[in-house]
Amino acid sequence: MIKFFLMVNKQGQTRLSRYYEHVEINKRTILEAEVIKNCLSRSKDQCSFIEYKDFRLVYRQYAALFVVVGINETENEMAVYELIHNFVEVLDKYFSRVVSQTLNLLWKISFRALV
C-alpha cells in the first residue's frame, strides 16, 4: 500500500506531497526532511529502494526533480518504480515540460491521477 507520494527538488524543497494515511502536520515536516535527506544523499549508482523505519522508500530522479513514494513491506518495489515513471510520462505529455516550478501551479490537476 502506498503511504505517501512526494515530489522534491534538488534543494530539498517539497513541491508536492500527498498522504494516504493520516499524519499530523508537524510529523509530516519531520518525515519529509528525513526522507529527502536520505534520498538526496545517495549517488546515482545506488539502488532506488531504501528501507526506512516501518516502510520502504522508492524514488526516482528526473533532472532536478525527485519523486519519492513511501510504501509498506507488502508492496512490489519494481511496480512502484514503474508507476513513478508512468506518472512522470503522463505529466510530461499533458503539460509538455514538467519542471519544479510548474508543479506549484498545477498540483490539483496532477494529483487527480493518483486519487
N, C-alpha and C. Protein backbone atom coordinates (compact mmCIF):
# COMPACT_ATOMS: atom_id res chain seq x y z
N MET A 1 0.84 -1.18 0.00
CA MET A 1 0.00 0.00 0.00
C MET A 1 0.88 1.24 0.00
N ILE A 2 0.50 2.22 -0.78
CA ILE A 2 1.24 3.47 -0.82
C ILE A 2 0.84 4.32 0.39
N LYS A 3 1.86 4.79 1.12
CA LYS A 3 1.61 5.61 2.30
C LYS A 3 1.68 7.09 1.97
N PHE A 4 2.63 7.47 1.11
CA PHE A 4 2.73 8.87 0.71
C PHE A 4 3.45 8.99 -0.61
N PHE A 5 3.30 10.16 -1.23
CA PHE A 5 3.88 10.47 -2.53
C PHE A 5 4.46 11.87 -2.45
N LEU A 6 5.74 12.02 -2.74
CA LEU A 6 6.41 13.33 -2.66
C LEU A 6 7.11 13.66 -3.96
N MET A 7 7.11 14.92 -4.30
CA MET A 7 7.94 15.43 -5.39
C MET A 7 8.79 16.53 -4.77
N VAL A 8 10.11 16.38 -4.94
CA VAL A 8 11.07 17.24 -4.24
C VAL A 8 12.11 17.71 -5.24
N ASN A 9 12.56 18.97 -5.09
CA ASN A 9 13.64 19.43 -5.97
C ASN A 9 14.99 19.14 -5.33
N LYS A 10 16.08 19.41 -6.05
CA LYS A 10 17.44 19.10 -5.56
C LYS A 10 17.83 19.94 -4.34
N GLN A 11 17.16 21.06 -4.13
CA GLN A 11 17.44 21.88 -2.96
C GLN A 11 16.76 21.34 -1.70
N GLY A 12 15.97 20.29 -1.87
CA GLY A 12 15.30 19.68 -0.72
C GLY A 12 13.94 20.28 -0.42
N GLN A 13 13.41 21.08 -1.32
CA GLN A 13 12.10 21.69 -1.11
C GLN A 13 11.01 20.76 -1.63
N THR A 14 10.03 20.49 -0.81
CA THR A 14 8.91 19.67 -1.23
C THR A 14 8.03 20.48 -2.15
N ARG A 15 7.82 19.98 -3.36
CA ARG A 15 6.98 20.67 -4.33
C ARG A 15 5.55 20.14 -4.31
N LEU A 16 5.40 18.85 -4.09
CA LEU A 16 4.08 18.24 -3.97
C LEU A 16 4.15 17.14 -2.92
N SER A 17 3.09 17.00 -2.17
CA SER A 17 3.01 15.89 -1.22
C SER A 17 1.57 15.42 -1.12
N ARG A 18 1.44 14.12 -1.04
CA ARG A 18 0.12 13.52 -0.89
C ARG A 18 0.26 12.36 0.08
N TYR A 19 -0.55 12.36 1.14
CA TYR A 19 -0.51 11.32 2.15
C TYR A 19 -1.79 10.50 2.08
N TYR A 20 -1.65 9.18 2.13
CA TYR A 20 -2.80 8.29 2.05
C TYR A 20 -3.15 7.69 3.41
N GLU A 21 -2.43 8.10 4.42
CA GLU A 21 -2.73 7.79 5.81
C GLU A 21 -2.61 9.09 6.58
N HIS A 22 -3.39 9.24 7.64
CA HIS A 22 -3.33 10.48 8.40
C HIS A 22 -1.97 10.62 9.10
N VAL A 23 -1.32 11.75 8.86
CA VAL A 23 -0.07 12.09 9.52
C VAL A 23 -0.20 13.56 9.95
N GLU A 24 0.06 13.83 11.21
CA GLU A 24 -0.03 15.21 11.70
C GLU A 24 0.94 16.12 10.96
N ILE A 25 0.59 17.37 10.84
CA ILE A 25 1.38 18.34 10.08
C ILE A 25 2.82 18.41 10.58
N ASN A 26 3.02 18.51 11.89
CA ASN A 26 4.39 18.62 12.41
C ASN A 26 5.20 17.35 12.15
N LYS A 27 4.54 16.19 12.16
CA LYS A 27 5.24 14.94 11.86
C LYS A 27 5.53 14.82 10.37
N ARG A 28 4.67 15.40 9.54
CA ARG A 28 4.91 15.40 8.09
C ARG A 28 6.20 16.15 7.78
N THR A 29 6.37 17.29 8.41
CA THR A 29 7.55 18.12 8.17
C THR A 29 8.82 17.36 8.53
N ILE A 30 8.81 16.70 9.67
CA ILE A 30 9.96 15.91 10.11
C ILE A 30 10.19 14.73 9.17
N LEU A 31 9.12 14.02 8.83
CA LEU A 31 9.21 12.87 7.93
C LEU A 31 9.78 13.29 6.58
N GLU A 32 9.25 14.37 6.01
CA GLU A 32 9.72 14.84 4.70
C GLU A 32 11.19 15.23 4.75
N ALA A 33 11.60 15.90 5.81
CA ALA A 33 13.01 16.31 5.93
C ALA A 33 13.92 15.09 5.97
N GLU A 34 13.56 14.07 6.73
CA GLU A 34 14.39 12.87 6.83
C GLU A 34 14.40 12.07 5.53
N VAL A 35 13.24 11.95 4.90
CA VAL A 35 13.14 11.21 3.64
C VAL A 35 13.96 11.91 2.56
N ILE A 36 13.83 13.21 2.47
CA ILE A 36 14.56 13.98 1.47
C ILE A 36 16.06 13.85 1.70
N LYS A 37 16.48 13.95 2.95
CA LYS A 37 17.90 13.82 3.28
C LYS A 37 18.43 12.45 2.84
N ASN A 38 17.66 11.40 3.10
CA ASN A 38 18.09 10.05 2.71
C ASN A 38 18.21 9.90 1.20
N CYS A 39 17.25 10.43 0.46
CA CYS A 39 17.26 10.27 -1.00
C CYS A 39 18.31 11.15 -1.67
N LEU A 40 18.45 12.40 -1.23
CA LEU A 40 19.39 13.31 -1.86
C LEU A 40 20.84 12.94 -1.59
N SER A 41 21.08 12.25 -0.49
CA SER A 41 22.46 11.91 -0.13
C SER A 41 22.99 10.69 -0.89
N ARG A 42 22.13 10.00 -1.61
CA ARG A 42 22.55 8.79 -2.33
C ARG A 42 23.09 9.15 -3.71
N SER A 43 24.03 8.34 -4.18
CA SER A 43 24.59 8.56 -5.51
C SER A 43 23.70 7.88 -6.56
N LYS A 44 23.93 8.22 -7.81
CA LYS A 44 23.14 7.63 -8.90
C LYS A 44 23.42 6.14 -9.06
N ASP A 45 24.55 5.68 -8.56
CA ASP A 45 24.91 4.26 -8.68
C ASP A 45 24.20 3.39 -7.65
N GLN A 46 23.64 3.99 -6.63
CA GLN A 46 22.99 3.22 -5.58
C GLN A 46 21.55 2.87 -5.96
N CYS A 47 21.05 1.85 -5.30
CA CYS A 47 19.69 1.36 -5.54
C CYS A 47 18.65 2.44 -5.20
N SER A 48 17.54 2.43 -5.88
CA SER A 48 16.47 3.41 -5.66
C SER A 48 15.46 2.95 -4.63
N PHE A 49 15.75 1.92 -3.89
CA PHE A 49 14.88 1.41 -2.83
C PHE A 49 15.61 1.54 -1.50
N ILE A 50 14.96 2.13 -0.52
CA ILE A 50 15.58 2.36 0.78
C ILE A 50 14.65 1.83 1.87
N GLU A 51 15.19 1.06 2.80
CA GLU A 51 14.44 0.67 4.00
C GLU A 51 14.48 1.85 4.95
N TYR A 52 13.32 2.31 5.39
CA TYR A 52 13.27 3.48 6.28
C TYR A 52 12.17 3.27 7.31
N LYS A 53 12.55 3.20 8.56
CA LYS A 53 11.64 2.97 9.68
C LYS A 53 10.74 1.77 9.39
N ASP A 54 9.41 1.96 9.41
CA ASP A 54 8.50 0.83 9.21
C ASP A 54 7.97 0.74 7.78
N PHE A 55 8.65 1.39 6.84
CA PHE A 55 8.24 1.31 5.44
C PHE A 55 9.44 1.42 4.53
N ARG A 56 9.18 1.34 3.22
CA ARG A 56 10.24 1.43 2.22
C ARG A 56 10.04 2.69 1.40
N LEU A 57 11.14 3.23 0.94
CA LEU A 57 11.10 4.38 0.04
C LEU A 57 11.51 3.92 -1.34
N VAL A 58 10.75 4.31 -2.33
CA VAL A 58 11.09 4.07 -3.73
C VAL A 58 11.18 5.45 -4.35
N TYR A 59 12.33 5.76 -4.95
CA TYR A 59 12.47 7.09 -5.53
C TYR A 59 13.08 7.01 -6.91
N ARG A 60 12.86 8.07 -7.65
CA ARG A 60 13.41 8.17 -8.99
C ARG A 60 13.73 9.63 -9.25
N GLN A 61 14.85 9.88 -9.90
CA GLN A 61 15.27 11.26 -10.17
C GLN A 61 15.05 11.59 -11.65
N TYR A 62 14.45 12.74 -11.88
CA TYR A 62 14.28 13.29 -13.23
C TYR A 62 14.86 14.69 -13.22
N ALA A 63 16.06 14.85 -13.80
CA ALA A 63 16.78 16.13 -13.80
C ALA A 63 16.88 16.64 -12.37
N ALA A 64 16.26 17.75 -12.05
CA ALA A 64 16.36 18.32 -10.71
C ALA A 64 15.18 17.93 -9.82
N LEU A 65 14.38 17.00 -10.27
CA LEU A 65 13.17 16.62 -9.54
C LEU A 65 13.26 15.17 -9.06
N PHE A 66 13.01 14.95 -7.78
CA PHE A 66 12.95 13.61 -7.21
C PHE A 66 11.49 13.28 -6.91
N VAL A 67 11.09 12.08 -7.30
CA VAL A 67 9.77 11.58 -6.96
C VAL A 67 9.99 10.45 -5.96
N VAL A 68 9.39 10.58 -4.78
CA VAL A 68 9.60 9.61 -3.71
C VAL A 68 8.24 9.07 -3.28
N VAL A 69 8.15 7.74 -3.18
CA VAL A 69 6.92 7.10 -2.74
C VAL A 69 7.25 6.23 -1.53
N GLY A 70 6.49 6.39 -0.47
CA GLY A 70 6.62 5.55 0.72
C GLY A 70 5.61 4.43 0.65
N ILE A 71 6.07 3.20 0.80
CA ILE A 71 5.19 2.03 0.69
C ILE A 71 5.40 1.10 1.88
N ASN A 72 4.43 0.20 2.09
CA ASN A 72 4.62 -0.80 3.15
C ASN A 72 5.39 -1.99 2.60
N GLU A 73 5.67 -2.95 3.46
CA GLU A 73 6.55 -4.07 3.08
C GLU A 73 5.90 -5.05 2.10
N THR A 74 4.59 -5.00 1.93
CA THR A 74 3.94 -5.95 1.02
C THR A 74 3.86 -5.44 -0.41
N GLU A 75 4.15 -4.19 -0.63
CA GLU A 75 4.07 -3.60 -1.98
C GLU A 75 5.29 -3.99 -2.81
N ASN A 76 5.09 -4.14 -4.09
CA ASN A 76 6.16 -4.50 -5.02
C ASN A 76 6.94 -3.24 -5.41
N GLU A 77 8.22 -3.20 -5.06
CA GLU A 77 9.04 -2.01 -5.32
C GLU A 77 9.17 -1.71 -6.81
N MET A 78 9.35 -2.74 -7.62
CA MET A 78 9.51 -2.53 -9.06
C MET A 78 8.23 -1.98 -9.69
N ALA A 79 7.09 -2.42 -9.21
CA ALA A 79 5.83 -1.90 -9.72
C ALA A 79 5.67 -0.42 -9.38
N VAL A 80 6.07 -0.04 -8.19
CA VAL A 80 6.00 1.37 -7.78
C VAL A 80 7.02 2.19 -8.55
N TYR A 81 8.19 1.63 -8.78
CA TYR A 81 9.22 2.31 -9.58
C TYR A 81 8.69 2.61 -10.98
N GLU A 82 8.00 1.65 -11.56
CA GLU A 82 7.40 1.85 -12.89
C GLU A 82 6.23 2.82 -12.82
N LEU A 83 5.46 2.78 -11.74
CA LEU A 83 4.35 3.73 -11.54
C LEU A 83 4.87 5.17 -11.55
N ILE A 84 5.99 5.40 -10.87
CA ILE A 84 6.60 6.73 -10.85
C ILE A 84 6.93 7.17 -12.27
N HIS A 85 7.56 6.28 -13.03
CA HIS A 85 7.94 6.62 -14.39
C HIS A 85 6.71 6.93 -15.25
N ASN A 86 5.68 6.10 -15.15
CA ASN A 86 4.46 6.33 -15.91
C ASN A 86 3.79 7.64 -15.52
N PHE A 87 3.77 7.94 -14.23
CA PHE A 87 3.17 9.19 -13.76
C PHE A 87 3.90 10.40 -14.34
N VAL A 88 5.22 10.36 -14.32
CA VAL A 88 6.01 11.47 -14.86
C VAL A 88 5.82 11.58 -16.37
N GLU A 89 5.73 10.46 -17.06
CA GLU A 89 5.47 10.50 -18.50
C GLU A 89 4.13 11.14 -18.82
N VAL A 90 3.10 10.81 -18.04
CA VAL A 90 1.77 11.41 -18.24
C VAL A 90 1.84 12.92 -17.99
N LEU A 91 2.51 13.32 -16.92
CA LEU A 91 2.66 14.76 -16.65
C LEU A 91 3.39 15.45 -17.79
N ASP A 92 4.42 14.80 -18.30
CA ASP A 92 5.20 15.39 -19.38
C ASP A 92 4.36 15.53 -20.65
N LYS A 93 3.56 14.53 -20.96
CA LYS A 93 2.69 14.61 -22.15
C LYS A 93 1.62 15.67 -21.97
N TYR A 94 1.02 15.71 -20.77
CA TYR A 94 -0.09 16.62 -20.51
C TYR A 94 0.36 18.07 -20.46
N PHE A 95 1.50 18.33 -19.79
CA PHE A 95 1.97 19.69 -19.59
C PHE A 95 3.13 20.05 -20.51
N SER A 96 3.57 19.17 -21.33
CA SER A 96 4.65 19.28 -22.31
C SER A 96 6.04 19.38 -21.69
N ARG A 97 6.23 20.06 -20.61
CA ARG A 97 7.55 20.10 -19.96
C ARG A 97 7.34 20.29 -18.46
N VAL A 98 7.61 19.25 -17.71
CA VAL A 98 7.41 19.29 -16.27
C VAL A 98 8.68 19.77 -15.59
N VAL A 99 8.58 20.87 -14.87
CA VAL A 99 9.69 21.37 -14.07
C VAL A 99 9.15 21.65 -12.67
N SER A 100 10.04 21.86 -11.76
CA SER A 100 9.67 22.06 -10.36
C SER A 100 8.70 23.23 -10.18
N GLN A 101 8.93 24.33 -10.86
CA GLN A 101 8.07 25.50 -10.71
C GLN A 101 6.68 25.26 -11.28
N THR A 102 6.58 24.48 -12.33
CA THR A 102 5.29 24.17 -12.93
C THR A 102 4.40 23.43 -11.94
N LEU A 103 5.00 22.56 -11.14
CA LEU A 103 4.23 21.76 -10.21
C LEU A 103 3.55 22.60 -9.15
N ASN A 104 4.13 23.71 -8.77
CA ASN A 104 3.49 24.59 -7.79
C ASN A 104 2.14 25.08 -8.30
N LEU A 105 2.05 25.35 -9.58
CA LEU A 105 0.82 25.88 -10.16
C LEU A 105 -0.20 24.81 -10.50
N LEU A 106 0.27 23.59 -10.74
CA LEU A 106 -0.61 22.56 -11.29
C LEU A 106 -0.84 21.38 -10.36
N TRP A 107 -0.69 21.55 -9.06
CA TRP A 107 -0.73 20.41 -8.15
C TRP A 107 -2.09 19.75 -8.10
N LYS A 108 -3.17 20.49 -8.21
CA LYS A 108 -4.50 19.88 -8.17
C LYS A 108 -4.72 18.97 -9.36
N ILE A 109 -4.35 19.41 -10.53
CA ILE A 109 -4.56 18.62 -11.74
C ILE A 109 -3.69 17.37 -11.73
N SER A 110 -2.44 17.51 -11.34
CA SER A 110 -1.51 16.38 -11.42
C SER A 110 -1.87 15.25 -10.47
N PHE A 111 -2.49 15.56 -9.33
CA PHE A 111 -2.80 14.50 -8.37
C PHE A 111 -4.14 13.85 -8.62
N ARG A 112 -4.91 14.31 -9.57
CA ARG A 112 -6.15 13.62 -9.91
C ARG A 112 -5.85 12.20 -10.39
N ALA A 113 -4.68 12.01 -10.99
CA ALA A 113 -4.31 10.68 -11.48
C ALA A 113 -4.01 9.72 -10.32
N LEU A 114 -3.68 10.24 -9.16
CA LEU A 114 -3.32 9.39 -8.02
C LEU A 114 -4.47 9.12 -7.07
N VAL A 115 -5.59 9.80 -7.23
CA VAL A 115 -6.69 9.64 -6.30
C VAL A 115 -7.57 8.49 -6.65
